[in-house]
Amino acid sequence: MKEIKRISSGAEWEDIVGYSRAVKVDNIIEVAGTTAPGADEYEQTLAIIKIAEKVLKEVGADLSNVVRTRMYCTNIANWEKIGKAHGEFFREIKPASTMVEVSKLISPEILVEIEFSAIV
C-alpha cells in the first residue's frame, strides 16, 4: 500500500478548489503550481522557490531532491529574469526544466507560476 501524505499551506483556496500545496507518495513529491507576489519575474521566481523549499523540508526533502521544474510565465520575453532566479538555486542541481508562456495566470499581477517534482 502506498503511503500518501498531503501538505497544506493553509490557504483558503485549498479547500475551495480542492488541492494540496504538495503531495508525497512514497518517495515522490509533487509541489502544486506555486505563485508569489513580487515586483517582477525575478523577484516572484525567487519567492516561489523559497516557498517550495519550505514545503519540501516539511516532508524531509530539500531542493537537491528536485528532478523537474515547470515554469509558466505571462511574458516569455522576460525569460532571463526567471532563468537567473532559477539558476541561483538550481545551477548545480540541474533538474529537467520547462518554461512556457501562457496567456494568463490566476491574477494579473502574477507573472510566474512554477511546479516542482522531487524524489527522496
Protein backbone atom coordinates (compact mmCIF):
# COMPACT_ATOMS: atom_id res chain seq x y z
CA MET A 1 0.00 0.00 0.00
CA LYS A 2 1.33 3.41 -0.94
CA GLU A 3 1.94 5.97 1.77
CA ILE A 4 0.31 9.28 0.81
CA LYS A 5 0.94 12.48 2.71
CA ARG A 6 -0.79 15.74 1.81
CA ILE A 7 0.79 19.03 2.83
CA SER A 8 -1.33 22.13 3.26
CA SER A 9 -0.17 25.72 3.18
CA GLY A 10 -3.32 26.77 5.00
CA ALA A 11 -4.52 28.88 2.09
CA GLU A 12 -8.29 29.19 1.88
CA TRP A 13 -8.12 28.24 -1.80
CA GLU A 14 -7.03 24.70 -0.98
CA ASP A 15 -10.47 23.81 0.40
CA ILE A 16 -12.40 25.86 -2.16
CA VAL A 17 -10.61 24.39 -5.17
CA GLY A 18 -9.73 21.04 -3.60
CA TYR A 19 -5.95 20.75 -3.76
CA SER A 20 -2.87 20.38 -1.57
CA ARG A 21 0.27 22.53 -1.64
CA ALA A 22 2.17 19.28 -2.07
CA VAL A 23 1.57 15.54 -2.08
CA LYS A 24 4.16 12.90 -1.19
CA VAL A 25 3.52 9.37 -2.45
CA ASP A 26 6.18 7.02 -1.11
CA ASN A 27 9.40 8.71 -2.29
CA ILE A 28 7.85 11.06 -4.88
CA ILE A 29 6.89 14.63 -4.01
CA GLU A 30 4.79 16.84 -6.26
CA VAL A 31 4.53 20.52 -5.35
CA ALA A 32 1.48 22.26 -6.83
CA GLY A 33 1.78 25.26 -9.09
CA THR A 34 3.15 27.97 -6.82
CA THR A 35 2.94 31.74 -7.19
CA ALA A 36 4.19 34.63 -5.07
CA PRO A 37 3.95 38.40 -5.08
CA GLY A 38 6.89 40.44 -6.32
CA ALA A 39 7.74 43.45 -8.43
CA ASP A 40 8.89 41.43 -11.44
CA GLU A 41 9.54 37.91 -12.71
CA TYR A 42 12.90 37.71 -10.96
CA GLU A 43 11.50 38.56 -7.51
CA GLN A 44 8.47 36.32 -7.98
CA THR A 45 10.64 33.37 -9.03
CA LEU A 46 12.93 33.77 -6.01
CA ALA A 47 9.92 33.87 -3.67
CA ILE A 48 8.28 30.86 -5.35
CA ILE A 49 11.40 28.72 -4.98
CA LYS A 50 11.71 29.68 -1.31
CA ILE A 51 8.09 28.58 -0.76
CA ALA A 52 8.80 25.24 -2.45
CA GLU A 53 11.97 24.82 -0.39
CA LYS A 54 9.95 25.25 2.82
CA VAL A 55 7.32 22.73 1.70
CA LEU A 56 9.97 20.19 0.73
CA LYS A 57 11.57 20.49 4.18
CA GLU A 58 8.21 19.57 5.73
CA VAL A 59 8.48 16.14 4.13
CA GLY A 60 12.19 15.57 4.72
CA ALA A 61 13.48 16.79 1.36
CA ASP A 62 15.26 19.83 0.00
CA LEU A 63 15.91 21.48 -3.34
CA SER A 64 18.62 18.93 -4.15
CA ASN A 65 15.83 16.34 -4.46
CA VAL A 66 14.06 18.32 -7.22
CA VAL A 67 14.20 16.46 -10.52
CA ARG A 68 11.84 18.67 -12.57
CA THR A 69 10.53 22.21 -12.63
CA ARG A 70 7.76 23.51 -14.86
CA MET A 71 7.73 27.29 -15.21
CA TYR A 72 4.77 29.18 -16.62
CA CYS A 73 5.12 32.88 -17.40
CA THR A 74 2.95 35.55 -18.97
CA ASN A 75 5.78 37.13 -20.98
CA ILE A 76 8.43 34.79 -22.35
CA ALA A 77 10.47 37.84 -23.42
CA ASN A 78 11.40 38.12 -19.72
CA TRP A 79 12.71 34.54 -19.57
CA GLU A 80 16.16 35.73 -18.50
CA LYS A 81 14.80 37.16 -15.22
CA ILE A 82 13.11 33.85 -14.45
CA GLY A 83 16.14 31.87 -15.56
CA LYS A 84 18.52 33.97 -13.46
CA ALA A 85 16.48 33.38 -10.28
CA HIS A 86 16.03 29.67 -11.09
CA GLY A 87 19.77 29.35 -11.66
CA GLU A 88 20.57 30.89 -8.27
CA PHE A 89 19.01 27.81 -6.64
CA PHE A 90 19.41 25.12 -9.30
CA ARG A 91 22.72 25.90 -11.06
CA GLU A 92 24.36 22.80 -9.55
CA ILE A 93 21.24 20.63 -9.15
CA LYS A 94 20.16 20.98 -12.78
CA PRO A 95 16.65 19.46 -12.76
CA ALA A 96 14.86 18.85 -16.03
CA SER A 97 13.05 22.13 -16.66
CA THR A 98 10.42 23.58 -18.91
CA MET A 99 9.46 27.23 -19.37
CA VAL A 100 6.41 28.18 -21.39
CA GLU A 101 4.42 31.32 -21.96
CA VAL A 102 0.73 31.27 -21.06
CA SER A 103 -1.87 33.91 -21.84
CA LYS A 104 -2.83 34.48 -18.19
CA LEU A 105 -2.24 33.23 -14.69
CA ILE A 106 -4.65 33.41 -11.73
CA SER A 107 -4.26 37.17 -11.24
CA PRO A 108 -2.90 39.97 -13.46
CA GLU A 109 -0.07 40.77 -11.02
CA ILE A 110 1.10 37.13 -11.04
CA LEU A 111 3.73 36.77 -13.77
CA VAL A 112 5.23 33.36 -12.94
CA GLU A 113 3.95 30.03 -11.63
CA ILE A 114 6.18 27.02 -11.00
CA GLU A 115 5.53 23.32 -10.30
CA PHE A 116 8.19 21.12 -8.73
CA SER A 117 8.72 17.34 -8.75
CA ALA A 118 11.15 15.74 -6.31
CA ILE A 119 12.32 12.26 -5.39
CA VAL A 120 13.74 11.28 -1.99
